[in-house]
Every structure is written in C-alpha cells, then in structure tokens.
C-alpha cells in the first residue's frame, strides 16, 4: 500500500523528498562538535517536537547545522537569514514556498515565504 501525501518537503539543492513517517528527516550536526545524527522534525507550523538520538544531547547544544540526508547539502539559509535553515514545501496545488526554521535549539521560530511575502 502506498500513501500519497498532500504536502511535500524537499531539499533546495537536490529536490529529494524529506518527509518520512510524518516527520521531516534531516542530518543534524551541532555547531560546536563533530557528533552528528538523524533528526526527525514535526512538519506542523508552530510545533517544535523533535526526535533524535539521546547520545547527541540536543538540549545542551545551542546551534545546529542541518544537512540533506540524500545529497549532504548544508541547509543553512543565506543572505539575511543566517540563523535559519531552509527547505522547500510543495503544496497540493504544486505551489512552492520556502520554509525557514531556526538553527538554535531554544529559539522556536518557523515561517514560510511565498513569492517574497512572509506568512
């Protein structure tokens, strides 16, 4: 059985699909050390539930770099949003928008940008 999803989350570089079992799946690496692992992020706007390996001790680390699990690209946003990571969301009508989320553990900030407007 194949379940089709209404919304897709993709890497801005390789366009690989990042949603698996209801979570956005990314590689996470703390900015301060070399340990890395997979991280599952709730895709709902305003929800900040994450699942990661307990050995990464995500709560004690400030900043994270996020990478695509398919191509390894760093998902850090460029230009004015240096403290944010970025992926692309494709809705049911095939409309694309950027989804930005904070690279800092205790900063709950997520927003989408559609054609230059923030929502």
Protein backbone atom coordinates (compact mmCIF):
# COMPACT_ATOMS: atom_id res chain seq x y z
CA UNK A 1 0.00 0.00 0.00
CA UNK A 2 1.31 3.46 -0.92
CA UNK A 3 0.09 6.55 0.90
CA UNK A 4 0.19 9.80 -1.04
CA UNK A 5 0.85 12.98 0.90
CA UNK A 6 -0.74 16.35 0.16
CA UNK A 7 2.39 18.32 1.05
CA UNK A 8 5.99 17.56 0.12
CA UNK A 9 9.14 18.83 1.82
CA UNK A 10 12.21 18.85 -0.42
CA UNK A 11 15.88 19.75 -0.34
CA UNK A 12 16.54 23.08 -2.11
CA UNK A 13 19.60 21.58 -3.85
CA UNK A 14 18.81 18.02 -4.93
CA UNK A 15 14.99 18.17 -4.60
CA UNK A 16 14.91 14.89 -2.61
CA UNK A 17 11.80 14.31 -0.54
CA UNK A 18 12.47 14.76 3.18
CA UNK A 19 9.17 13.66 4.77
CA UNK A 20 9.18 10.12 6.13
CA UNK A 21 6.70 8.58 8.57
CA UNK A 22 5.14 12.00 9.19
CA UNK A 23 8.41 13.76 10.09
CA UNK A 24 10.94 15.84 8.19
CA UNK A 25 14.14 13.80 8.30
CA UNK A 26 17.45 15.69 8.34
CA UNK A 27 21.04 15.14 9.34
CA UNK A 28 21.88 17.34 12.31
CA UNK A 29 25.34 18.36 13.45
CA UNK A 30 25.88 20.65 16.43
CA UNK A 31 27.94 23.73 15.50
CA UNK A 32 30.30 23.09 18.42
CA UNK A 33 31.41 19.48 17.82
CA UNK A 34 31.69 16.66 15.29
CA UNK A 35 28.89 14.40 16.51
CA UNK A 36 26.06 14.08 14.02
CA UNK A 37 22.95 12.03 13.54
CA UNK A 38 19.48 11.92 12.11
CA UNK A 39 16.78 14.19 13.43
CA UNK A 40 13.03 13.92 12.93
CA UNK A 41 11.16 17.24 12.98
CA UNK A 42 7.40 17.72 13.23
CA UNK A 43 6.37 19.47 9.98
CA UNK A 44 3.43 21.37 11.51
CA UNK A 45 3.97 25.12 11.77
CA UNK A 46 4.28 26.14 15.41
CA UNK A 47 5.08 22.64 16.65
CA UNK A 48 8.63 22.12 17.83
CA UNK A 49 8.70 18.44 18.67
CA UNK A 50 11.88 16.72 17.54
CA UNK A 51 13.18 13.20 17.84
CA UNK A 52 16.89 12.49 17.86
CA UNK A 53 19.38 10.06 19.31
CA UNK A 54 19.84 10.59 23.05
CA UNK A 55 23.63 10.48 22.66
CA UNK A 56 23.50 13.77 20.74
CA UNK A 57 22.09 15.51 23.87
CA UNK A 58 20.28 18.10 21.78
CA UNK A 59 19.05 20.08 24.78
CA UNK A 60 22.56 21.08 25.87
CA UNK A 61 23.65 22.42 22.48
CA UNK A 62 22.93 25.86 21.12
CA UNK A 63 23.36 25.88 17.37
CA UNK A 64 22.81 23.17 14.76
CA UNK A 65 23.75 22.74 11.14
CA UNK A 66 21.17 20.81 9.16
CA UNK A 67 22.04 18.73 6.09
CA UNK A 68 20.04 16.90 3.45
CA UNK A 69 20.19 13.14 4.11
CA UNK A 70 20.30 12.46 0.36
CA UNK A 71 22.91 14.85 -1.03
CA UNK A 72 24.58 16.17 2.12
CA UNK A 73 23.96 19.84 1.27
CA UNK A 74 24.07 22.29 4.15
CA UNK A 75 20.55 23.69 4.55
CA UNK A 76 21.64 26.94 6.21
CA UNK A 77 19.75 29.89 4.75
CA UNK A 78 21.92 32.51 3.09
CA UNK A 79 21.76 36.29 2.92
CA UNK A 80 19.70 37.90 5.68
CA UNK A 81 18.55 34.73 7.42
CA UNK A 82 21.89 33.33 8.62
CA UNK A 83 20.43 31.97 11.85
CA UNK A 84 17.86 29.96 9.89
CA UNK A 85 17.79 26.73 7.91
CA UNK A 86 15.73 26.41 4.73
CA UNK A 87 13.82 23.71 2.89
CA UNK A 88 11.15 23.89 0.20
CA UNK A 89 7.49 22.97 0.67
CA UNK A 90 5.29 21.95 -2.27
CA UNK A 91 1.56 22.06 -1.51
CA UNK A 92 -1.25 20.01 -3.04
CA UNK A 93 -1.63 22.58 -5.85
CA UNK A 94 2.10 22.26 -6.72
CA UNK A 95 2.76 25.76 -5.35
CA UNK A 96 6.22 26.07 -3.81
CA UNK A 97 7.36 28.15 -0.89
CA UNK A 98 10.39 28.38 1.35
CA UNK A 99 10.16 27.11 4.90
CA UNK A 100 12.66 28.65 7.30
CA UNK A 101 13.33 27.35 10.81
CA UNK A 102 15.77 28.37 13.49
CA UNK A 103 19.20 26.75 13.81
CA UNK A 104 19.09 27.41 17.57
CA UNK A 105 17.53 24.84 19.89
CA UNK A 106 15.77 27.25 22.24
CA UNK A 107 14.60 29.69 19.55
CA UNK A 108 11.20 28.48 18.37
CA UNK A 109 10.91 30.31 15.09
CA UNK A 110 9.45 28.93 11.87
CA UNK A 111 7.97 30.81 8.93
CA UNK A 112 7.18 30.35 5.29
CA UNK A 113 7.80 32.72 2.41
CA UNK A 114 5.53 32.71 -0.63
CA UNK A 115 6.61 34.87 -3.59
CA UNK A 116 8.55 37.25 -1.36
CA UNK A 117 5.88 37.61 1.34
CA UNK A 118 6.21 36.08 4.81
CA UNK A 119 3.26 34.29 6.34
